[in-house]
Amino acid sequence: LSVSGETAQNIDQAIRLKEKKFHIVSITDNSYCTLAKLSEINFAYNIQPEVIKDTLNVTTQIPVIYILESLARNFAD
């Protein structure tokens, strides 16, 4: 899970897991970011990021919760 899909820690972890043949599924703000491109499946929610004082990311996470709950419901059936 990453809003920007450009967080170094997430990218590094995805690369390491891919090297070990893990499947990568991501939820990001857009499908063009690095993490999305590293993923086999990406759910992009395309919300305009909101940043306060150039450092505090307050972008809503409601789309992420919706995606996770929808996936959980589909797998539960």
Protein backbone atom coordinates (compact mmCIF):
# COMPACT_ATOMS: atom_id res chain seq x y z
CA LEU A 1 0.00 0.00 0.00
CA SER A 2 1.44 3.34 -1.02
CA VAL A 3 -0.08 6.65 -2.06
CA SER A 4 2.81 7.75 -4.25
CA GLY A 5 4.21 4.34 -5.12
CA GLU A 6 7.64 5.96 -4.96
CA THR A 7 8.64 5.29 -1.34
CA ALA A 8 12.15 3.83 -1.40
CA GLN A 9 11.42 1.29 1.34
CA ASN A 10 8.36 -0.10 -0.49
CA ILE A 11 10.18 -0.23 -3.82
CA ASP A 12 13.21 -1.97 -2.31
CA GLN A 13 10.99 -4.51 -0.56
CA ALA A 14 9.03 -5.22 -3.75
CA ILE A 15 12.27 -5.76 -5.69
CA ARG A 16 13.62 -8.16 -3.04
CA LEU A 17 10.35 -10.12 -2.96
CA LYS A 18 10.20 -10.34 -6.77
CA GLU A 19 13.74 -11.73 -6.78
CA LYS A 20 12.46 -14.48 -4.48
CA LYS A 21 9.56 -15.16 -6.90
CA PHE A 22 6.81 -13.64 -4.73
CA HIS A 23 3.74 -12.15 -6.43
CA ILE A 24 3.42 -8.40 -5.92
CA VAL A 25 -0.01 -6.77 -5.59
CA SER A 26 -0.16 -3.06 -4.87
CA ILE A 27 -2.69 -0.35 -4.13
CA THR A 28 -1.42 3.05 -5.20
CA ASP A 29 -2.68 6.46 -6.24
CA ASN A 30 -1.79 5.83 -9.89
CA SER A 31 -0.80 3.01 -12.18
CA TYR A 32 2.28 4.81 -13.56
CA CYS A 33 4.38 4.85 -10.38
CA THR A 34 7.37 2.59 -9.77
CA LEU A 35 5.59 0.29 -7.31
CA ALA A 36 2.68 -0.24 -9.71
CA LYS A 37 5.11 -1.10 -12.50
CA LEU A 38 6.85 -3.64 -10.25
CA SER A 39 3.51 -5.25 -9.37
CA GLU A 40 1.75 -8.04 -11.19
CA ILE A 41 -1.55 -6.49 -10.12
CA ASN A 42 -2.09 -2.85 -9.21
CA PHE A 43 -5.26 -1.23 -7.95
CA ALA A 44 -5.00 2.50 -8.66
CA TYR A 45 -7.53 4.85 -7.12
CA ASN A 46 -6.47 8.11 -8.82
CA ILE A 47 -7.09 10.64 -6.05
CA GLN A 48 -5.33 14.01 -6.05
CA PRO A 49 -2.68 13.85 -3.27
CA GLU A 50 -3.05 16.43 -0.51
CA VAL A 51 0.07 17.65 1.25
CA ILE A 52 0.18 20.24 4.05
CA LYS A 53 3.30 22.35 4.67
CA ASP A 54 5.20 20.41 1.97
CA THR A 55 5.72 17.40 4.25
CA LEU A 56 2.47 16.10 5.75
CA ASN A 57 0.56 13.86 3.35
CA VAL A 58 -3.12 13.92 4.29
CA THR A 59 -4.46 12.21 1.18
CA THR A 60 -7.67 10.33 1.95
CA GLN A 61 -7.37 6.59 2.46
CA ILE A 62 -11.07 5.88 1.97
CA PRO A 63 -10.51 4.43 -1.55
CA VAL A 64 -7.88 2.07 -0.13
CA ILE A 65 -10.28 0.83 2.55
CA TYR A 66 -12.98 0.32 -0.09
CA ILE A 67 -10.63 -1.71 -2.31
CA LEU A 68 -9.45 -3.87 0.60
CA GLU A 69 -12.99 -4.50 1.86
CA SER A 70 -14.22 -5.32 -1.65
CA LEU A 71 -11.41 -7.80 -2.17
CA ALA A 72 -12.04 -9.39 1.22
CA ARG A 73 -15.75 -9.78 0.49
CA ASN A 74 -15.06 -11.36 -2.90
CA PHE A 75 -12.62 -13.87 -1.41
CA ALA A 76 -15.02 -14.69 1.42
CA ASP A 77 -17.74 -15.83 -1.01
